[in-house]
Amino acid sequence: MENLQSMTVRALRERARDLGITGRGTMNKAALVEAILRAEAEVVPVQPLAAPSVEAERAEAPDVETAPVVELAPIEVIAESVVEVAAPVEAEAEPPIAPAVVAPPAPAAPSA
C-alpha cells in the first residue's frame, strides 16, 4: 500500500472516489487520509477464528487407557527438599571493629 501522506490531494481524492467516500471535494489532505484509512479498514473483512469442535478436541486428546501414568512424590518428600534448598547459610563472623581513639583536650594556657 502506498504511503498516503506522500500522495497528492488530487490522487487522494481519486482514491476516496474509488472507495465511495462522500464529501471528498471539500476535504483537506489530512481529512482525506483519515477518511481513506477508515474506509479501507471497513473494507477489509475480518473473519473470526473458529473455536475447535468438541470432536476435534477429543480426537487430539490422548486416550485415558493408553496415556502414561505419572508418579508423583508425596508432599513430605517435596517439603523436605524445599527446606534443604532454602536453609539459610550461616554468615562468617566479622572481625570486631576497634573503638576510635580520641586524643585528650590540650591543657588551657595560664591566664596572666
C-alpha atoms as a PDB file:
ATOM      1  CA  MET A   1       0.000   0.000   0.000  1.00  0.00           C
ATOM      2  CA  GLU A   2       1.331   3.373  -0.970  1.00  0.00           C
ATOM      3  CA  ASN A   3       2.054   5.882   1.791  1.00  0.00           C
ATOM      4  CA  LEU A   4      -0.973   8.165   1.835  1.00  0.00           C
ATOM      5  CA  GLN A   5       1.000  11.130   3.213  1.00  0.00           C
ATOM      6  CA  SER A   6       3.224  11.150   0.136  1.00  0.00           C
ATOM      7  CA  MET A   7       0.254  11.264  -2.270  1.00  0.00           C
ATOM      8  CA  THR A   8      -1.094  14.484  -3.759  1.00  0.00           C
ATOM      9  CA  VAL A   9      -4.536  15.794  -2.792  1.00  0.00           C
ATOM     10  CA  ARG A  10      -5.735  15.019  -6.323  1.00  0.00           C
ATOM     11  CA  ALA A  11      -4.570  11.386  -6.015  1.00  0.00           C
ATOM     12  CA  LEU A  12      -6.134  11.120  -2.555  1.00  0.00           C
ATOM     13  CA  ARG A  13      -9.457  12.412  -3.898  1.00  0.00           C
ATOM     14  CA  GLU A  14      -9.365   9.806  -6.699  1.00  0.00           C
ATOM     15  CA  ARG A  15      -8.677   7.076  -4.142  1.00  0.00           C
ATOM     16  CA  ALA A  16     -11.509   8.417  -1.969  1.00  0.00           C
ATOM     17  CA  ARG A  17     -13.827   8.352  -5.000  1.00  0.00           C
ATOM     18  CA  ASP A  18     -12.901   4.703  -5.657  1.00  0.00           C
ATOM     19  CA  LEU A  19     -13.756   3.906  -2.022  1.00  0.00           C
ATOM     20  CA  GLY A  20     -17.095   5.739  -2.241  1.00  0.00           C
ATOM     21  CA  ILE A  21     -16.215   8.446   0.282  1.00  0.00           C
ATOM     22  CA  THR A  22     -18.664  11.345   0.083  1.00  0.00           C
ATOM     23  CA  GLY A  23     -17.659  14.953   0.710  1.00  0.00           C
ATOM     24  CA  ARG A  24     -14.158  14.336  -0.590  1.00  0.00           C
ATOM     25  CA  GLY A  25     -14.173  17.529  -2.685  1.00  0.00           C
ATOM     26  CA  THR A  26     -14.218  19.728   0.425  1.00  0.00           C
ATOM     27  CA  MET A  27     -11.703  17.701   2.484  1.00  0.00           C
ATOM     28  CA  ASN A  28      -8.133  18.806   3.057  1.00  0.00           C
ATOM     29  CA  LYS A  29      -5.246  16.348   2.821  1.00  0.00           C
ATOM     30  CA  ALA A  30      -5.353  15.291   6.492  1.00  0.00           C
ATOM     31  CA  ALA A  31      -9.110  14.661   6.336  1.00  0.00           C
ATOM     32  CA  LEU A  32      -8.739  12.684   3.096  1.00  0.00           C
ATOM     33  CA  VAL A  33      -6.015  10.486   4.602  1.00  0.00           C
ATOM     34  CA  GLU A  34      -8.140   9.814   7.691  1.00  0.00           C
ATOM     35  CA  ALA A  35     -11.256   9.064   5.633  1.00  0.00           C
ATOM     36  CA  ILE A  36      -9.333   6.703   3.335  1.00  0.00           C
ATOM     37  CA  LEU A  37      -7.789   4.847   6.271  1.00  0.00           C
ATOM     38  CA  ARG A  38     -11.201   4.413   7.893  1.00  0.00           C
ATOM     39  CA  ALA A  39     -12.804   3.293   4.636  1.00  0.00           C
ATOM     40  CA  GLU A  40     -10.034   0.791   3.941  1.00  0.00           C
ATOM     41  CA  ALA A  41     -10.334  -0.579   7.484  1.00  0.00           C
ATOM     42  CA  GLU A  42     -14.049  -1.168   6.906  1.00  0.00           C
ATOM     43  CA  VAL A  43     -13.457  -2.873   3.554  1.00  0.00           C
ATOM     44  CA  VAL A  44     -11.012  -5.465   4.922  1.00  0.00           C
ATOM     45  CA  PRO A  45     -13.129  -8.424   6.019  1.00  0.00           C
ATOM     46  CA  VAL A  46     -12.243  -9.783   9.412  1.00  0.00           C
ATOM     47  CA  GLN A  47     -13.010 -13.431   9.862  1.00  0.00           C
ATOM     48  CA  PRO A  48     -13.299 -14.596  13.464  1.00  0.00           C
ATOM     49  CA  LEU A  49     -11.235 -17.550  14.480  1.00  0.00           C
ATOM     50  CA  ALA A  50     -13.346 -20.651  14.717  1.00  0.00           C
ATOM     51  CA  ALA A  51     -13.231 -22.489  18.014  1.00  0.00           C
ATOM     52  CA  PRO A  52     -12.249 -26.135  17.655  1.00  0.00           C
ATOM     53  CA  SER A  53     -15.164 -28.504  17.812  1.00  0.00           C
ATOM     54  CA  VAL A  54     -15.596 -30.902  20.686  1.00  0.00           C
ATOM     55  CA  GLU A  55     -14.987 -33.792  18.296  1.00  0.00           C
ATOM     56  CA  ALA A  56     -11.668 -32.301  17.183  1.00  0.00           C
ATOM     57  CA  GLU A  57     -10.556 -31.817  20.789  1.00  0.00           C
ATOM     58  CA  ARG A  58     -11.460 -35.405  21.623  1.00  0.00           C
ATOM     59  CA  ALA A  59      -9.552 -36.675  18.593  1.00  0.00           C
ATOM     60  CA  GLU A  60      -6.420 -34.801  19.734  1.00  0.00           C
ATOM     61  CA  ALA A  61      -6.712 -35.793  23.408  1.00  0.00           C
ATOM     62  CA  PRO A  62      -4.795 -38.908  24.485  1.00  0.00           C
ATOM     63  CA  ASP A  63      -6.814 -41.986  25.312  1.00  0.00           C
ATOM     64  CA  VAL A  64      -7.086 -42.375  29.083  1.00  0.00           C
ATOM     65  CA  GLU A  65      -6.334 -46.077  28.903  1.00  0.00           C
ATOM     66  CA  THR A  66      -3.148 -45.611  26.858  1.00  0.00           C
ATOM     67  CA  ALA A  67      -1.894 -42.413  28.493  1.00  0.00           C
ATOM     68  CA  PRO A  68       1.270 -42.865  30.569  1.00  0.00           C
ATOM     69  CA  VAL A  69       0.894 -42.827  34.335  1.00  0.00           C
ATOM     70  CA  VAL A  70       2.955 -40.194  36.086  1.00  0.00           C
ATOM     71  CA  GLU A  71       4.053 -40.986  39.620  1.00  0.00           C
ATOM     72  CA  LEU A  72       4.111 -38.015  41.945  1.00  0.00           C
ATOM     73  CA  ALA A  73       6.274 -37.736  45.049  1.00  0.00           C
ATOM     74  CA  PRO A  74       4.488 -37.460  48.393  1.00  0.00           C
ATOM     75  CA  ILE A  75       4.209 -33.908  49.707  1.00  0.00           C
ATOM     76  CA  GLU A  76       6.507 -34.720  52.654  1.00  0.00           C
ATOM     77  CA  VAL A  77       9.389 -35.533  50.282  1.00  0.00           C
ATOM     78  CA  ILE A  78       8.811 -32.357  48.341  1.00  0.00           C
ATOM     79  CA  ALA A  79       8.641 -30.270  51.535  1.00  0.00           C
ATOM     80  CA  GLU A  80      11.930 -31.749  52.827  1.00  0.00           C
ATOM     81  CA  SER A  81      13.763 -30.932  49.612  1.00  0.00           C
ATOM     82  CA  VAL A  82      12.446 -27.381  49.698  1.00  0.00           C
ATOM     83  CA  VAL A  83      13.641 -26.935  53.271  1.00  0.00           C
ATOM     84  CA  GLU A  84      17.086 -28.237  52.319  1.00  0.00           C
ATOM     85  CA  VAL A  85      17.361 -25.844  49.403  1.00  0.00           C
ATOM     86  CA  ALA A  86      16.018 -22.894  51.367  1.00  0.00           C
ATOM     87  CA  ALA A  87      18.103 -23.500  54.518  1.00  0.00           C
ATOM     88  CA  PRO A  88      19.958 -20.303  55.443  1.00  0.00           C
ATOM     89  CA  VAL A  89      23.708 -20.209  55.047  1.00  0.00           C
ATOM     90  CA  GLU A  90      25.448 -19.125  58.206  1.00  0.00           C
ATOM     91  CA  ALA A  91      27.380 -15.932  57.684  1.00  0.00           C
ATOM     92  CA  GLU A  92      31.018 -15.753  58.639  1.00  0.00           C
ATOM     93  CA  ALA A  93      31.661 -13.725  61.786  1.00  0.00           C
ATOM     94  CA  GLU A  94      33.033 -10.298  61.010  1.00  0.00           C
ATOM     95  CA  PRO A  95      36.076  -9.119  62.983  1.00  0.00           C
ATOM     96  CA  PRO A  96      35.218  -6.680  65.765  1.00  0.00           C
ATOM     97  CA  ILE A  97      35.657  -3.027  64.971  1.00  0.00           C
ATOM     98  CA  ALA A  98      38.233  -1.286  67.160  1.00  0.00           C
ATOM     99  CA  PRO A  99      36.943   1.711  69.082  1.00  0.00           C
ATOM    100  CA  ALA A 100      38.010   5.079  67.781  1.00  0.00           C
ATOM    101  CA  VAL A 101      40.886   6.677  69.687  1.00  0.00           C
ATOM    102  CA  VAL A 102      40.164  10.215  70.747  1.00  0.00           C
ATOM    103  CA  ALA A 103      43.013  12.476  71.856  1.00  0.00           C
ATOM    104  CA  PRO A 104      42.532  14.262  75.212  1.00  0.00           C
ATOM    105  CA  PRO A 105      41.964  18.011  75.010  1.00  0.00           C
ATOM    106  CA  ALA A 106      45.051  20.256  75.173  1.00  0.00           C
ATOM    107  CA  PRO A 107      45.665  21.935  78.539  1.00  0.00           C
ATOM    108  CA  ALA A 108      44.450  25.500  78.798  1.00  0.00           C
ATOM    109  CA  ALA A 109      47.070  28.262  78.668  1.00  0.00           C
ATOM    110  CA  PRO A 110      47.680  30.077  82.014  1.00  0.00           C
ATOM    111  CA  SER A 111      45.989  33.430  82.192  1.00  0.00           C
ATOM    112  CA  ALA A 112      48.087  36.495  83.065  1.00  0.00           C
END
